Every structure is written in structure tokens, then in C-alpha cells.
């Protein structure tokens, strides 16, 4: 879990509480660079929604520019999905702070 990712997810203003909860769930699984690869069934359980609803919400988060989704090569009968939280970089954070300091 990345505290930075979780704090970022909590700070986002989203259209629905479900979007926010799924984003927080992704952040809870993310590493310090914002990458994670939980199964959608696990995310759905975390957010107390169906797997189909979770898939729909992740698509919404992609459209909002919060998440990028990519699939790995199929190995056997399963395919792993990777998610990247599109958090600002450390450089972006420093620039934002300097703008507010002026």
C-alpha cells in the first residue's frame, strides 16, 4: 500500500461515491509508483459492489483520467490486468506548491 496513493485518492473530487471508493481500493493495492494488479472480484468485494459494476466504474475512472488500465500477455487461461493511478509526479507537486506560495 502506498500512503501517497491513498491520500491522493481521498483528495479527488469524483462524480459518485462508488467511483471514489473504487479509486481508494485501487490506491490501497498500489505501490509507490501508483501501479497495482488486483483482480476485479477483489476490488468489487472491497467496494461492496458487483464485479460488473466495478468494471464499469473503472472505465469511468479511465475516462476521467484517474486510472490507466493495461492487460498482460495471456498465460494459460487467465489474463492479468494492471492499473496505474495517474497521480501527479513529485515535480508536479513541487510546482503546485510554488504557485501557491506566490
Protein backbone atom coordinates (compact mmCIF):
# COMPACT_ATOMS: atom_id res chain seq x y z
CA UNK A 1 0.00 0.00 0.00
CA UNK A 2 1.16 3.48 -0.82
CA UNK A 3 0.11 6.15 1.67
CA UNK A 4 0.73 8.75 -1.04
CA UNK A 5 -1.68 6.95 -3.39
CA UNK A 6 -4.37 6.58 -0.72
CA UNK A 7 -4.11 10.25 0.28
CA UNK A 8 -4.29 11.26 -3.37
CA UNK A 9 -7.39 9.07 -3.92
CA UNK A 10 -9.16 10.55 -0.88
CA UNK A 11 -8.45 14.09 -2.16
CA UNK A 12 -10.08 13.52 -5.58
CA UNK A 13 -13.45 15.08 -6.31
CA UNK A 14 -15.43 12.50 -8.25
CA UNK A 15 -18.97 12.25 -9.57
CA UNK A 16 -20.14 9.37 -7.35
CA UNK A 17 -19.21 7.80 -4.02
CA UNK A 18 -18.72 4.47 -5.81
CA UNK A 19 -16.08 5.99 -8.09
CA UNK A 20 -14.26 7.32 -5.05
CA UNK A 21 -14.44 4.00 -3.21
CA UNK A 22 -13.09 2.05 -6.19
CA UNK A 23 -10.29 4.61 -6.62
CA UNK A 24 -9.42 4.27 -2.91
CA UNK A 25 -9.48 0.48 -3.29
CA UNK A 26 -7.03 0.69 -6.21
CA UNK A 27 -4.84 3.06 -4.19
CA UNK A 28 -4.87 0.63 -1.27
CA UNK A 29 -3.32 -2.01 -3.53
CA UNK A 30 -0.92 0.39 -5.31
CA UNK A 31 2.84 0.61 -4.94
CA UNK A 32 4.71 3.92 -4.52
CA UNK A 33 4.54 4.50 -8.29
CA UNK A 34 0.77 4.01 -8.45
CA UNK A 35 0.83 0.53 -10.04
CA UNK A 36 -1.35 -2.35 -8.84
CA UNK A 37 -2.87 -5.54 -10.23
CA UNK A 38 -5.77 -6.71 -8.02
CA UNK A 39 -8.49 -8.89 -9.50
CA UNK A 40 -11.73 -7.08 -10.24
CA UNK A 41 -13.57 -9.50 -7.97
CA UNK A 42 -11.35 -8.41 -5.09
CA UNK A 43 -11.88 -4.71 -5.85
CA UNK A 44 -15.64 -5.33 -6.09
CA UNK A 45 -15.66 -7.04 -2.71
CA UNK A 46 -13.68 -4.13 -1.18
CA UNK A 47 -16.20 -1.64 -2.58
CA UNK A 48 -19.27 -3.84 -1.83
CA UNK A 49 -20.41 -3.81 -5.48
CA UNK A 50 -20.73 -6.42 -8.22
CA UNK A 51 -17.79 -7.26 -10.46
CA UNK A 52 -19.72 -5.86 -13.43
CA UNK A 53 -20.29 -2.56 -11.60
CA UNK A 54 -16.60 -2.47 -10.67
CA UNK A 55 -15.62 -2.90 -14.32
CA UNK A 56 -17.98 -0.09 -15.32
CA UNK A 57 -16.61 2.24 -12.61
CA UNK A 58 -13.00 1.54 -13.60
CA UNK A 59 -13.96 2.53 -17.16
CA UNK A 60 -15.41 5.77 -15.79
CA UNK A 61 -12.21 6.43 -13.84
CA UNK A 62 -10.24 5.89 -17.05
CA UNK A 63 -12.43 8.42 -18.88
CA UNK A 64 -11.87 10.91 -16.03
CA UNK A 65 -8.09 10.50 -16.37
CA UNK A 66 -7.60 8.96 -12.92
CA UNK A 67 -6.55 5.45 -13.95
CA UNK A 68 -4.86 3.75 -16.89
CA UNK A 69 -5.57 0.07 -17.46
CA UNK A 70 -3.41 -2.38 -19.40
CA UNK A 71 -3.58 -6.12 -19.88
CA UNK A 72 -0.67 -8.51 -19.75
CA UNK A 73 0.02 -11.36 -22.12
CA UNK A 74 -2.40 -14.20 -21.61
CA UNK A 75 -0.78 -17.06 -19.70
CA UNK A 76 -2.84 -20.20 -19.74
CA UNK A 77 -6.49 -19.40 -19.21
CA UNK A 78 -6.09 -16.11 -17.36
CA UNK A 79 -5.06 -12.59 -18.24
CA UNK A 80 -3.75 -10.14 -15.66
CA UNK A 81 -4.88 -6.52 -15.68
CA UNK A 82 -2.51 -3.83 -14.46
CA UNK A 83 -3.76 -0.46 -13.25
CA UNK A 84 -1.78 2.75 -12.94
CA UNK A 85 -3.12 5.60 -10.85
CA UNK A 86 -2.44 8.80 -12.76
CA UNK A 87 -1.19 10.77 -9.78
CA UNK A 88 0.85 13.93 -10.26
CA UNK A 89 4.59 13.41 -10.17
CA UNK A 90 6.83 14.78 -7.42
CA UNK A 91 7.85 17.56 -9.84
CA UNK A 92 4.20 18.48 -10.41
CA UNK A 93 3.67 18.60 -6.63
CA UNK A 94 6.64 20.95 -6.18
CA UNK A 95 5.41 23.24 -8.97
CA UNK A 96 1.92 23.36 -7.44
CA UNK A 97 3.34 24.28 -4.04
CA UNK A 98 5.49 27.04 -5.54
CA UNK A 99 2.46 28.50 -7.36
CA UNK A 100 0.51 28.71 -4.09
CA UNK A 101 3.47 30.25 -2.26
CA UNK A 102 3.48 33.29 -4.58
